[in-house]
């Protein structure tokens, strides 16, 4: 009986690992499709890119929206992990805002992700909140609780901030009305939503962005 249980456990472990690898591969393929085509791509196009059948995609994801949101979320978190790996000295607010500023330069550091940004910002409403999956709001909530940002009317401030940031991203990656440097200036102006003075905002956006090129 003990041997049978060991065999079943080993078999189950291999199957779980196999499923995890297949799921991870589909997420990577979906990221490439988002960069090439965008959220309007069909399940058939995703399957063709991944060289699998549509049935295989549905085996791991209920629909293409679920797959794309997962793919976008992983790409977003991957970028944030990279952005926070190399950072200038400073407090939590300074480091958090540095990460937000680095996104404006994604075309130079993460070209595939920049293409995803272009397509998703063009086709998806509420892009930032879908990609971020609540992480950013959690961080800003903690900054407000610690007194580094204005705490009163937090929900209203958060909605304004998300719309400002989303607009800046569209101006960089979609309409190209702003260069990354100009986007940083707009970013600094938008910080007034959080009760940050013009003088402090200029200081915050003048901090050097320290990072190494993405692989």
N, C-alpha and C. Protein backbone atom coordinates (compact mmCIF):
# COMPACT_ATOMS: atom_id res chain seq x y z
N UNK A 1 0.83 -1.21 0.00
CA UNK A 1 0.00 0.00 0.00
C UNK A 1 0.86 1.26 0.00
N UNK A 2 1.94 1.23 0.81
CA UNK A 2 2.82 2.38 0.90
C UNK A 2 3.48 2.66 -0.45
N UNK A 3 3.89 1.57 -1.15
CA UNK A 3 4.52 1.73 -2.45
C UNK A 3 3.54 2.33 -3.45
N UNK A 4 2.28 1.86 -3.40
CA UNK A 4 1.26 2.37 -4.31
C UNK A 4 1.05 3.86 -4.11
N UNK A 5 1.00 4.29 -2.84
CA UNK A 5 0.82 5.70 -2.54
C UNK A 5 2.00 6.52 -3.04
N UNK A 6 3.20 5.98 -2.91
CA UNK A 6 4.40 6.67 -3.38
C UNK A 6 4.36 6.84 -4.89
N UNK A 7 3.92 5.79 -5.60
CA UNK A 7 3.81 5.85 -7.05
C UNK A 7 2.77 6.89 -7.46
N UNK A 8 1.61 6.87 -6.77
CA UNK A 8 0.55 7.83 -7.09
C UNK A 8 1.02 9.27 -6.84
N UNK A 9 1.76 9.47 -5.74
CA UNK A 9 2.26 10.81 -5.41
C UNK A 9 3.25 11.27 -6.47
N UNK A 10 4.14 10.35 -6.90
CA UNK A 10 5.14 10.71 -7.90
C UNK A 10 4.47 11.03 -9.23
N UNK A 11 3.48 10.22 -9.60
CA UNK A 11 2.76 10.44 -10.85
C UNK A 11 2.02 11.77 -10.83
N UNK A 12 1.33 12.01 -9.69
CA UNK A 12 0.61 13.27 -9.55
C UNK A 12 1.55 14.47 -9.61
N UNK A 13 2.72 14.32 -9.01
CA UNK A 13 3.70 15.40 -9.03
C UNK A 13 4.19 15.71 -10.43
N UNK A 14 4.43 14.65 -11.21
CA UNK A 14 4.89 14.85 -12.58
C UNK A 14 3.80 15.51 -13.42
N UNK A 15 2.56 15.08 -13.21
CA UNK A 15 1.45 15.67 -13.97
C UNK A 15 1.26 17.14 -13.61
N UNK A 16 1.40 17.45 -12.33
CA UNK A 16 1.26 18.85 -11.89
C UNK A 16 2.37 19.71 -12.50
N UNK A 17 3.58 19.17 -12.52
CA UNK A 17 4.70 19.92 -13.09
C UNK A 17 4.51 20.11 -14.59
N UNK A 18 4.01 19.07 -15.26
CA UNK A 18 3.74 19.13 -16.70
C UNK A 18 2.69 20.21 -16.99
N UNK A 19 1.62 20.22 -16.20
CA UNK A 19 0.56 21.20 -16.39
C UNK A 19 1.08 22.61 -16.13
N UNK A 20 1.89 22.76 -15.10
CA UNK A 20 2.44 24.07 -14.78
C UNK A 20 3.32 24.60 -15.91
N UNK A 21 4.13 23.72 -16.49
CA UNK A 21 4.99 24.13 -17.61
C UNK A 21 4.15 24.55 -18.81
N UNK A 22 3.12 23.77 -19.12
CA UNK A 22 2.26 24.10 -20.27
C UNK A 22 1.54 25.42 -20.05
N UNK A 23 1.07 25.63 -18.84
CA UNK A 23 0.36 26.87 -18.53
C UNK A 23 1.31 28.07 -18.64
N UNK A 24 2.51 27.90 -18.11
CA UNK A 24 3.50 28.98 -18.17
C UNK A 24 3.87 29.31 -19.62
N UNK A 25 3.96 28.26 -20.45
CA UNK A 25 4.30 28.49 -21.85
C UNK A 25 3.18 29.25 -22.56
N UNK A 26 1.93 28.89 -22.26
CA UNK A 26 0.80 29.58 -22.87
C UNK A 26 0.77 31.06 -22.45
N UNK A 27 1.10 31.33 -21.21
CA UNK A 27 1.15 32.72 -20.74
C UNK A 27 2.22 33.49 -21.50
N UNK A 28 3.37 32.88 -21.69
CA UNK A 28 4.45 33.54 -22.44
C UNK A 28 4.02 33.77 -23.89
N UNK A 29 3.39 32.77 -24.49
CA UNK A 29 2.92 32.93 -25.87
C UNK A 29 1.85 34.03 -25.95
N UNK A 30 0.99 34.09 -24.95
CA UNK A 30 -0.05 35.12 -24.93
C UNK A 30 0.56 36.52 -24.83
N UNK A 31 1.65 36.65 -24.08
CA UNK A 31 2.34 37.94 -24.00
C UNK A 31 2.86 38.36 -25.37
N UNK A 32 3.39 37.40 -26.11
CA UNK A 32 3.90 37.71 -27.45
C UNK A 32 2.76 38.09 -28.40
N UNK A 33 1.62 37.43 -28.24
CA UNK A 33 0.45 37.76 -29.07
C UNK A 33 -0.08 39.15 -28.70
N UNK A 34 -0.09 39.47 -27.42
CA UNK A 34 -0.52 40.80 -26.99
C UNK A 34 0.39 41.87 -27.58
N UNK A 35 1.68 41.58 -27.65
CA UNK A 35 2.63 42.54 -28.20
C UNK A 35 2.49 42.68 -29.71
N UNK A 36 2.14 41.59 -30.38
CA UNK A 36 2.06 41.59 -31.84
C UNK A 36 0.69 42.03 -32.36
N UNK A 37 -0.37 41.53 -31.74
CA UNK A 37 -1.73 41.77 -32.23
C UNK A 37 -2.55 42.63 -31.26
N UNK A 38 -2.49 42.27 -29.98
CA UNK A 38 -3.27 42.99 -28.98
C UNK A 38 -4.42 42.15 -28.45
N UNK A 39 -5.21 42.70 -27.53
CA UNK A 39 -6.30 41.95 -26.91
C UNK A 39 -7.39 41.50 -27.87
N UNK A 40 -7.42 42.05 -29.08
CA UNK A 40 -8.42 41.64 -30.06
C UNK A 40 -8.10 40.28 -30.70
N UNK A 41 -6.91 39.76 -30.44
CA UNK A 41 -6.53 38.46 -30.99
C UNK A 41 -7.50 37.38 -30.54
N UNK A 42 -7.70 36.40 -31.38
CA UNK A 42 -8.64 35.31 -31.08
C UNK A 42 -7.92 34.13 -30.43
N UNK A 43 -8.70 33.24 -29.87
CA UNK A 43 -8.14 32.01 -29.31
C UNK A 43 -7.40 31.24 -30.39
N UNK A 44 -7.96 31.25 -31.61
CA UNK A 44 -7.31 30.55 -32.72
C UNK A 44 -5.94 31.14 -33.03
N UNK A 45 -5.82 32.45 -32.96
CA UNK A 45 -4.53 33.09 -33.21
C UNK A 45 -3.53 32.78 -32.10
N UNK A 46 -4.02 32.74 -30.88
CA UNK A 46 -3.15 32.38 -29.75
C UNK A 46 -2.67 30.95 -29.91
N UNK A 47 -3.60 30.05 -30.24
CA UNK A 47 -3.26 28.63 -30.40
C UNK A 47 -2.27 28.43 -31.54
N UNK A 48 -2.47 29.16 -32.63
CA UNK A 48 -1.56 29.04 -33.77
C UNK A 48 -0.16 29.50 -33.39
N UNK A 49 -0.09 30.60 -32.64
CA UNK A 49 1.22 31.11 -32.21
C UNK A 49 1.90 30.11 -31.27
N UNK A 50 1.11 29.49 -30.40
CA UNK A 50 1.66 28.53 -29.44
C UNK A 50 1.87 27.15 -30.04
N UNK A 51 1.38 26.96 -31.27
CA UNK A 51 1.48 25.68 -31.98
C UNK A 51 0.77 24.58 -31.20
N UNK A 52 -0.43 24.91 -30.73
CA UNK A 52 -1.28 23.93 -30.06
C UNK A 52 -2.69 24.10 -30.61
N UNK A 53 -3.62 23.24 -30.19
CA UNK A 53 -5.00 23.38 -30.62
C UNK A 53 -5.74 24.34 -29.69
N UNK A 54 -6.80 24.98 -30.15
CA UNK A 54 -7.61 25.82 -29.26
C UNK A 54 -8.09 25.05 -28.03
N UNK A 55 -8.36 23.75 -28.21
CA UNK A 55 -8.80 22.92 -27.08
C UNK A 55 -7.77 22.91 -25.96
N UNK A 56 -6.50 22.91 -26.34
CA UNK A 56 -5.43 22.92 -25.34
C UNK A 56 -5.44 24.22 -24.54
N UNK A 57 -5.70 25.33 -25.23
CA UNK A 57 -5.77 26.62 -24.53
C UNK A 57 -6.91 26.60 -23.52
N UNK A 58 -8.07 26.09 -23.96
CA UNK A 58 -9.24 26.04 -23.08
C UNK A 58 -9.04 25.06 -21.92
N UNK A 59 -8.11 24.16 -22.05
CA UNK A 59 -7.82 23.22 -20.97
C UNK A 59 -7.26 23.94 -19.76
N UNK A 60 -6.53 25.03 -20.02
CA UNK A 60 -5.87 25.76 -18.94
C UNK A 60 -6.53 27.09 -18.60
N UNK A 61 -7.30 27.65 -19.53
CA UNK A 61 -7.93 28.95 -19.31
C UNK A 61 -9.37 28.91 -19.82
N UNK A 62 -10.27 29.52 -19.06
CA UNK A 62 -11.68 29.48 -19.41
C UNK A 62 -11.97 30.20 -20.72
N UNK A 63 -11.27 31.30 -20.95
CA UNK A 63 -11.44 32.07 -22.18
C UNK A 63 -10.20 32.92 -22.42
N UNK A 64 -10.17 33.62 -23.54
CA UNK A 64 -8.97 34.40 -23.88
C UNK A 64 -8.76 35.57 -22.93
N UNK A 65 -9.86 36.14 -22.39
CA UNK A 65 -9.72 37.26 -21.47
C UNK A 65 -8.97 36.84 -20.21
N UNK A 66 -9.31 35.67 -19.70
CA UNK A 66 -8.62 35.16 -18.51
C UNK A 66 -7.13 34.98 -18.80
N UNK A 67 -6.82 34.41 -19.97
CA UNK A 67 -5.43 34.19 -20.35
C UNK A 67 -4.70 35.52 -20.52
N UNK A 68 -5.32 36.48 -21.21
CA UNK A 68 -4.66 37.75 -21.45
C UNK A 68 -4.43 38.54 -20.17
N UNK A 69 -5.41 38.51 -19.27
CA UNK A 69 -5.25 39.24 -18.00
C UNK A 69 -4.12 38.61 -17.18
N UNK A 70 -4.03 37.29 -17.20
CA UNK A 70 -2.94 36.60 -16.50
C UNK A 70 -1.60 36.95 -17.14
N UNK A 71 -1.56 36.94 -18.47
CA UNK A 71 -0.32 37.25 -19.18
C UNK A 71 0.11 38.69 -18.93
N UNK A 72 -0.84 39.60 -18.97
CA UNK A 72 -0.54 41.01 -18.74
C UNK A 72 -0.09 41.24 -17.31
N UNK A 73 -0.78 40.60 -16.35
CA UNK A 73 -0.42 40.76 -14.96
C UNK A 73 0.98 40.25 -14.66
N UNK A 74 1.35 39.12 -15.25
CA UNK A 74 2.69 38.59 -15.02
C UNK A 74 3.76 39.48 -15.64
N UNK A 75 3.46 40.03 -16.82
CA UNK A 75 4.42 40.93 -17.46
C UNK A 75 4.60 42.20 -16.63
N UNK A 76 3.48 42.71 -16.10
CA UNK A 76 3.51 43.92 -15.27
C UNK A 76 4.32 43.68 -13.99
N UNK A 77 4.05 42.56 -13.32
CA UNK A 77 4.78 42.24 -12.09
C UNK A 77 6.25 41.98 -12.37
N UNK A 78 6.52 41.35 -13.51
CA UNK A 78 7.91 41.12 -13.89
C UNK A 78 8.65 42.42 -14.08
N UNK A 79 7.98 43.39 -14.70
CA UNK A 79 8.60 44.70 -14.90
C UNK A 79 8.85 45.37 -13.54
N UNK A 80 7.88 45.32 -12.64
CA UNK A 80 8.03 45.96 -11.34
C UNK A 80 9.16 45.33 -10.53
N UNK A 81 9.29 44.01 -10.60
CA UNK A 81 10.39 43.34 -9.90
C UNK A 81 11.72 43.83 -10.44
N UNK A 82 11.82 43.92 -11.78
CA UNK A 82 13.04 44.43 -12.40
C UNK A 82 13.29 45.88 -12.00
N UNK A 83 12.23 46.69 -12.02
CA UNK A 83 12.37 48.12 -11.72
C UNK A 83 12.84 48.35 -10.29
N UNK A 84 12.49 47.45 -9.39
CA UNK A 84 12.87 47.61 -7.99
C UNK A 84 14.17 46.92 -7.63
N UNK A 85 14.74 46.19 -8.58
CA UNK A 85 15.98 45.47 -8.29
C UNK A 85 17.16 46.42 -8.14
N UNK A 86 17.20 47.44 -8.97
CA UNK A 86 18.27 48.43 -8.91
C UNK A 86 17.63 49.80 -8.69
N UNK A 87 17.86 50.40 -7.56
CA UNK A 87 17.19 51.65 -7.24
C UNK A 87 18.12 52.58 -6.47
N UNK A 88 17.88 53.86 -6.64
CA UNK A 88 18.65 54.85 -5.90
C UNK A 88 18.23 54.83 -4.44
N UNK A 89 19.12 55.21 -3.53
CA UNK A 89 18.76 55.28 -2.12
C UNK A 89 17.59 56.24 -1.92
N UNK A 90 16.75 55.95 -0.95
CA UNK A 90 15.62 56.84 -0.68
C UNK A 90 14.57 56.14 0.15
N UNK A 91 13.53 56.90 0.52
CA UNK A 91 12.46 56.30 1.32
C UNK A 91 11.50 55.54 0.40
N UNK A 92 10.47 54.94 1.01
CA UNK A 92 9.57 54.08 0.24
C UNK A 92 8.82 54.87 -0.83
N UNK A 93 8.39 56.09 -0.52
CA UNK A 93 7.68 56.91 -1.50
C UNK A 93 8.56 57.19 -2.71
N UNK A 94 9.79 57.57 -2.46
CA UNK A 94 10.71 57.86 -3.56
C UNK A 94 10.95 56.64 -4.43
N UNK A 95 11.15 55.48 -3.82
CA UNK A 95 11.40 54.26 -4.58
C UNK A 95 10.17 53.82 -5.36
N UNK A 96 8.99 53.99 -4.76
CA UNK A 96 7.74 53.64 -5.44
C UNK A 96 7.55 54.50 -6.69
N UNK A 97 7.75 55.79 -6.55
CA UNK A 97 7.57 56.69 -7.68
C UNK A 97 8.64 56.48 -8.75
N UNK A 98 9.84 56.09 -8.33
CA UNK A 98 10.89 55.76 -9.31
C UNK A 98 10.42 54.63 -10.23
N UNK A 99 9.77 53.62 -9.65
CA UNK A 99 9.28 52.49 -10.44
C UNK A 99 8.23 52.95 -11.45
N UNK A 100 7.35 53.85 -11.01
CA UNK A 100 6.34 54.38 -11.92
C UNK A 100 6.94 55.16 -13.05
N UNK A 101 8.01 55.89 -12.77
CA UNK A 101 8.69 56.68 -13.81
C UNK A 101 9.42 55.78 -14.81
N UNK A 102 9.97 54.69 -14.32
CA UNK A 102 10.73 53.80 -15.21
C UNK A 102 9.86 53.22 -16.33
N UNK A 103 8.56 53.10 -16.05
CA UNK A 103 7.66 52.55 -17.07
C UNK A 103 7.63 53.41 -18.32
N UNK A 104 7.84 54.72 -18.18
CA UNK A 104 7.83 55.61 -19.34
C UNK A 104 8.97 55.29 -20.31
N UNK A 105 9.99 54.62 -19.82
CA UNK A 105 11.18 54.31 -20.62
C UNK A 105 11.19 52.86 -21.10
N UNK A 106 10.06 52.18 -21.00
CA UNK A 106 10.00 50.75 -21.31
C UNK A 106 10.40 50.41 -22.74
N UNK A 107 10.18 51.33 -23.67
CA UNK A 107 10.54 51.03 -25.05
C UNK A 107 12.04 50.80 -25.19
N UNK A 108 12.83 51.49 -24.36
CA UNK A 108 14.28 51.31 -24.39
C UNK A 108 14.73 50.08 -23.61
N UNK A 109 14.02 49.76 -22.54
CA UNK A 109 14.47 48.67 -21.67
C UNK A 109 13.72 47.36 -21.88
N UNK A 110 12.44 47.43 -22.25
CA UNK A 110 11.60 46.24 -22.41
C UNK A 110 10.73 46.39 -23.66
N UNK A 111 11.32 46.28 -24.84
CA UNK A 111 10.56 46.54 -26.08
C UNK A 111 9.32 45.67 -26.26
N UNK A 112 9.39 44.40 -25.88
CA UNK A 112 8.21 43.53 -26.00
C UNK A 112 7.08 44.05 -25.10
N UNK A 113 7.43 44.38 -23.88
CA UNK A 113 6.44 44.91 -22.94
C UNK A 113 5.90 46.24 -23.43
N UNK A 114 6.75 47.06 -24.04
CA UNK A 114 6.29 48.35 -24.58
C UNK A 114 5.24 48.14 -25.67
N UNK A 115 5.44 47.12 -26.50
CA UNK A 115 4.43 46.81 -27.53
C UNK A 115 3.13 46.33 -26.89
N UNK A 116 3.25 45.56 -25.81
CA UNK A 116 2.06 45.14 -25.09
C UNK A 116 1.32 46.36 -24.54
N UNK A 117 2.07 47.30 -23.98
CA UNK A 117 1.47 48.52 -23.45
C UNK A 117 0.72 49.27 -24.54
N UNK A 118 1.33 49.41 -25.71
CA UNK A 118 0.70 50.11 -26.81
C UNK A 118 -0.64 49.48 -27.17
N UNK A 119 -0.63 48.18 -27.36
CA UNK A 119 -1.85 47.49 -27.80
C UNK A 119 -2.92 47.44 -26.71
N UNK A 120 -2.50 47.19 -25.48
CA UNK A 120 -3.47 47.07 -24.39
C UNK A 120 -4.05 48.42 -24.01
N UNK A 121 -3.24 49.46 -24.01
CA UNK A 121 -3.75 50.79 -23.72
C UNK A 121 -4.72 51.26 -24.79
N UNK A 122 -4.51 50.78 -26.01
CA UNK A 122 -5.39 51.15 -27.12
C UNK A 122 -6.74 50.45 -27.02
N UNK A 123 -6.73 49.18 -26.63
CA UNK A 123 -7.93 48.35 -26.71
C UNK A 123 -8.63 48.05 -25.39
N UNK A 124 -7.94 48.20 -24.26
CA UNK A 124 -8.52 47.80 -22.98
C UNK A 124 -8.88 49.01 -22.13
N UNK A 125 -10.08 49.02 -21.60
CA UNK A 125 -10.46 50.05 -20.64
C UNK A 125 -10.02 49.61 -19.26
N UNK A 126 -9.64 50.56 -18.42
CA UNK A 126 -9.16 50.21 -17.09
C UNK A 126 -7.90 49.40 -17.12
N UNK A 127 -7.03 49.70 -18.09
CA UNK A 127 -5.82 48.89 -18.30
C UNK A 127 -4.96 48.78 -17.04
N UNK A 128 -4.65 49.92 -16.43
CA UNK A 128 -3.72 49.91 -15.30
C UNK A 128 -4.22 49.04 -14.16
N UNK A 129 -5.48 49.17 -13.81
CA UNK A 129 -6.01 48.40 -12.69
C UNK A 129 -6.09 46.91 -13.01
N UNK A 130 -6.36 46.56 -14.26
CA UNK A 130 -6.39 45.14 -14.64
C UNK A 130 -5.00 44.54 -14.59
N UNK A 131 -4.01 45.29 -15.08
CA UNK A 131 -2.64 44.78 -15.10
C UNK A 131 -2.06 44.72 -13.70
N UNK A 132 -2.36 45.72 -12.90
CA UNK A 132 -1.78 45.86 -11.57
C UNK A 132 -2.39 44.92 -10.54
N UNK A 133 -3.64 44.53 -10.75
CA UNK A 133 -4.34 43.57 -9.89
C UNK A 133 -4.33 43.96 -8.41
N UNK A 134 -4.43 45.26 -8.16
CA UNK A 134 -4.58 45.73 -6.79
C UNK A 134 -3.29 46.02 -6.05
N UNK A 135 -2.15 45.66 -6.63
CA UNK A 135 -0.87 45.84 -5.94
C UNK A 135 -0.58 47.32 -5.70
N UNK A 136 -0.74 48.14 -6.74
CA UNK A 136 -0.44 49.56 -6.62
C UNK A 136 -1.31 50.25 -5.58
N UNK A 137 -2.59 49.93 -5.59
CA UNK A 137 -3.49 50.54 -4.62
C UNK A 137 -3.09 50.17 -3.20
N UNK A 138 -2.67 48.94 -3.01
CA UNK A 138 -2.22 48.51 -1.69
C UNK A 138 -1.01 49.33 -1.23
N UNK A 139 -0.06 49.53 -2.13
CA UNK A 139 1.14 50.29 -1.80
C UNK A 139 0.78 51.74 -1.47
N UNK A 140 -0.07 52.35 -2.29
CA UNK A 140 -0.46 53.74 -2.05
C UNK A 140 -1.28 53.87 -0.77
N UNK A 141 -2.08 52.87 -0.46
CA UNK A 141 -2.83 52.87 0.80
C UNK A 141 -1.87 52.90 1.99
N UNK A 142 -0.83 52.07 1.91
CA UNK A 142 0.15 52.03 3.00
C UNK A 142 0.91 53.34 3.11
N UNK A 143 1.22 53.97 1.97
CA UNK A 143 1.91 55.26 1.98
C UNK A 143 1.02 56.35 2.59
N UNK A 144 -0.27 56.26 2.31
CA UNK A 144 -1.20 57.23 2.89
C UNK A 144 -1.35 56.99 4.39
N UNK A 145 -1.40 55.73 4.79
CA UNK A 145 -1.53 55.39 6.21
C UNK A 145 -0.32 55.88 7.00
N UNK A 146 0.85 55.87 6.36
CA UNK A 146 2.08 56.30 7.04
C UNK A 146 2.27 57.82 7.01
N UNK A 147 1.37 58.52 6.31
CA UNK A 147 1.45 59.97 6.27
C UNK A 147 2.30 60.54 5.14
N UNK A 148 2.81 59.66 4.26
CA UNK A 148 3.65 60.13 3.15
C UNK A 148 2.81 60.70 2.01
N UNK A 149 1.54 60.31 1.95
CA UNK A 149 0.59 60.85 0.99
C UNK A 149 -0.66 61.29 1.75
N UNK A 150 -1.44 62.17 1.16
CA UNK A 150 -2.68 62.61 1.78
C UNK A 150 -3.62 61.41 1.95
N UNK A 151 -4.20 61.28 3.14
CA UNK A 151 -5.05 60.13 3.44
C UNK A 151 -6.53 60.44 3.25
N UNK A 152 -6.93 61.70 3.47
CA UNK A 152 -8.35 62.03 3.38
C UNK A 152 -8.85 61.88 1.95
N UNK A 153 -10.08 61.42 1.80
CA UNK A 153 -10.68 61.19 0.47
C UNK A 153 -9.80 60.30 -0.39
N UNK A 154 -9.26 59.25 0.23
CA UNK A 154 -8.29 58.40 -0.48
C UNK A 154 -8.87 57.82 -1.77
N UNK A 155 -10.09 57.30 -1.71
CA UNK A 155 -10.67 56.65 -2.89
C UNK A 155 -10.78 57.62 -4.06
N UNK A 156 -11.21 58.86 -3.77
CA UNK A 156 -11.32 59.86 -4.84
C UNK A 156 -9.94 60.20 -5.40
N UNK A 157 -8.96 60.34 -4.51
CA UNK A 157 -7.60 60.63 -4.97
C UNK A 157 -7.06 59.48 -5.84
N UNK A 158 -7.34 58.25 -5.40
CA UNK A 158 -6.85 57.09 -6.15
C UNK A 158 -7.43 57.05 -7.55
N UNK A 159 -8.73 57.30 -7.68
CA UNK A 159 -9.37 57.30 -9.00
C UNK A 159 -8.75 58.38 -9.90
N UNK A 160 -8.54 59.56 -9.34
CA UNK A 160 -7.90 60.64 -10.11
C UNK A 160 -6.50 60.23 -10.55
N UNK A 161 -5.76 59.64 -9.62
CA UNK A 161 -4.38 59.26 -9.92
C UNK A 161 -4.31 58.20 -11.01
N UNK A 162 -5.16 57.19 -10.92
CA UNK A 162 -5.17 56.13 -11.94
C UNK A 162 -5.47 56.71 -13.32
N UNK A 163 -6.42 57.65 -13.37
CA UNK A 163 -6.76 58.27 -14.66
C UNK A 163 -5.62 59.14 -15.18
N UNK A 164 -4.95 59.83 -14.29
CA UNK A 164 -3.80 60.65 -14.69
C UNK A 164 -2.68 59.75 -15.24
N UNK A 165 -2.36 58.70 -14.48
CA UNK A 165 -1.25 57.82 -14.87
C UNK A 165 -1.58 57.10 -16.18
N UNK A 166 -2.81 56.63 -16.29
CA UNK A 166 -3.24 55.96 -17.51
C UNK A 166 -3.14 56.90 -18.71
N UNK A 167 -3.53 58.16 -18.49
CA UNK A 167 -3.45 59.15 -19.57
C UNK A 167 -2.02 59.43 -19.99
N UNK A 168 -1.11 59.49 -19.02
CA UNK A 168 0.30 59.71 -19.35
C UNK A 168 0.85 58.53 -20.15
N UNK A 169 0.51 57.32 -19.71
CA UNK A 169 0.98 56.13 -20.44
C UNK A 169 0.47 56.13 -21.88
N UNK A 170 -0.80 56.49 -22.08
CA UNK A 170 -1.34 56.55 -23.44
C UNK A 170 -0.61 57.60 -24.27
N UNK A 171 -0.27 58.72 -23.65
CA UNK A 171 0.42 59.79 -24.37
C UNK A 171 1.83 59.38 -24.77
N UNK A 172 2.42 58.43 -24.03
CA UNK A 172 3.76 57.95 -24.37
C UNK A 172 3.71 56.81 -25.38
N UNK A 173 2.86 55.80 -25.11
CA UNK A 173 2.90 54.56 -25.88
C UNK A 173 1.88 54.47 -27.02
N UNK A 174 0.84 55.29 -26.99
CA UNK A 174 -0.19 55.21 -28.03
C UNK A 174 -0.12 56.41 -28.97
N UNK A 175 -0.37 57.60 -28.44
CA UNK A 175 -0.39 58.79 -29.30
C UNK A 175 1.01 59.36 -29.53
N UNK A 176 1.95 59.00 -28.63
CA UNK A 176 3.32 59.51 -28.70
C UNK A 176 3.38 61.04 -28.62
N UNK A 177 2.42 61.60 -27.90
CA UNK A 177 2.40 63.05 -27.71
C UNK A 177 3.45 63.50 -26.70
N UNK A 178 3.87 62.58 -25.84
CA UNK A 178 4.87 62.90 -24.83
C UNK A 178 6.08 62.00 -24.99
N UNK A 179 7.26 62.59 -24.85
CA UNK A 179 8.48 61.78 -24.74
C UNK A 179 8.55 61.27 -23.30
N UNK A 180 9.38 60.28 -23.02
CA UNK A 180 9.52 59.83 -21.64
C UNK A 180 9.88 60.96 -20.68
N UNK A 181 10.74 61.86 -21.11
CA UNK A 181 11.13 62.99 -20.25
C UNK A 181 9.95 63.91 -19.98
N UNK A 182 9.15 64.17 -21.01
CA UNK A 182 7.96 65.02 -20.83
C UNK A 182 6.92 64.31 -19.96
N UNK A 183 6.87 62.98 -20.09
CA UNK A 183 5.94 62.21 -19.26
C UNK A 183 6.31 62.34 -17.78
N UNK A 184 7.60 62.39 -17.49
CA UNK A 184 8.02 62.55 -16.10
C UNK A 184 7.56 63.89 -15.53
N UNK A 185 7.60 64.93 -16.36
CA UNK A 185 7.12 66.25 -15.92
C UNK A 185 5.63 66.18 -15.61
N UNK A 186 4.85 65.55 -16.51
CA UNK A 186 3.42 65.40 -16.29
C UNK A 186 3.15 64.58 -15.03
N UNK A 187 3.96 63.55 -14.82
CA UNK A 187 3.88 62.70 -13.63
C UNK A 187 4.04 63.55 -12.37
N UNK A 188 5.03 64.44 -12.40
CA UNK A 188 5.27 65.31 -11.25
C UNK A 188 4.10 66.24 -10.98
N UNK A 189 3.51 66.78 -12.04
CA UNK A 189 2.34 67.66 -11.88
C UNK A 189 1.18 66.88 -11.26
N UNK A 190 1.01 65.65 -11.72
CA UNK A 190 -0.09 64.82 -11.22
C UNK A 190 0.02 64.48 -9.75
N UNK A 191 1.23 64.55 -9.20
CA UNK A 191 1.42 64.21 -7.79
C UNK A 191 0.70 65.18 -6.85
N UNK A 192 0.24 66.31 -7.38
CA UNK A 192 -0.51 67.25 -6.55
C UNK A 192 -1.80 66.61 -6.02
N UNK A 193 -2.28 65.59 -6.73
CA UNK A 193 -3.46 64.84 -6.28
C UNK A 193 -3.25 64.30 -4.87
N UNK A 194 -2.00 63.96 -4.56
CA UNK A 194 -1.66 63.36 -3.27
C UNK A 194 -1.16 64.39 -2.26
N UNK A 195 -1.36 65.67 -2.57
CA UNK A 195 -0.95 66.71 -1.63
C UNK A 195 0.53 66.99 -1.65
N UNK A 196 1.21 66.56 -2.70
CA UNK A 196 2.65 66.80 -2.82
C UNK A 196 2.88 68.15 -3.49
N UNK A 197 3.70 68.98 -2.87
CA UNK A 197 3.94 70.33 -3.39
C UNK A 197 4.72 70.29 -4.69
N UNK A 198 4.65 71.38 -5.44
CA UNK A 198 5.37 71.48 -6.70
C UNK A 198 6.87 71.33 -6.49
N UNK A 199 7.37 71.94 -5.43
CA UNK A 199 8.81 71.87 -5.13
C UNK A 199 9.23 70.43 -4.86
N UNK A 200 8.45 69.73 -4.00
CA UNK A 200 8.79 68.34 -3.68
C UNK A 200 8.64 67.45 -4.91
N UNK A 201 7.61 67.70 -5.72
CA UNK A 201 7.39 66.88 -6.91
C UNK A 201 8.58 67.01 -7.87
N UNK A 202 9.08 68.22 -8.04
CA UNK A 202 10.24 68.42 -8.93
C UNK A 202 11.46 67.68 -8.41
N UNK A 203 11.60 67.68 -7.09
CA UNK A 203 12.71 66.95 -6.49
C UNK A 203 12.57 65.45 -6.71
N UNK A 204 11.34 64.96 -6.58
CA UNK A 204 11.08 63.53 -6.75
C UNK A 204 11.36 63.05 -8.16
N UNK A 205 10.95 63.84 -9.16
CA UNK A 205 11.14 63.38 -10.55
C UNK A 205 12.54 63.69 -11.07
N UNK A 206 13.34 64.39 -10.26
CA UNK A 206 14.72 64.65 -10.68
C UNK A 206 15.69 63.60 -10.15
N UNK A 207 15.15 62.68 -9.35
CA UNK A 207 16.00 61.60 -8.83
C UNK A 207 16.54 60.74 -9.99
N UNK A 208 17.80 60.36 -9.93
CA UNK A 208 18.33 59.50 -11.01
C UNK A 208 17.67 58.13 -10.98
N UNK A 209 17.35 57.61 -12.15
CA UNK A 209 16.78 56.28 -12.25
C UNK A 209 17.92 55.29 -12.47
N UNK A 210 18.12 54.43 -11.49
CA UNK A 210 19.22 53.48 -11.54
C UNK A 210 18.69 52.10 -11.91
N UNK A 211 19.22 51.55 -12.98
CA UNK A 211 18.83 50.20 -13.40
C UNK A 211 19.85 49.68 -14.39
N UNK A 212 19.80 48.41 -14.61
CA UNK A 212 20.62 47.80 -15.66
C UNK A 212 19.68 47.38 -16.78
N UNK A 213 20.16 47.32 -18.02
CA UNK A 213 19.28 46.92 -19.13
C UNK A 213 18.68 45.54 -18.89
N UNK A 214 17.44 45.37 -19.28
CA UNK A 214 16.80 44.06 -19.16
C UNK A 214 17.44 43.07 -20.10
N UNK A 215 17.46 41.82 -19.71
CA UNK A 215 18.02 40.78 -20.59
C UNK A 215 17.07 40.47 -21.72
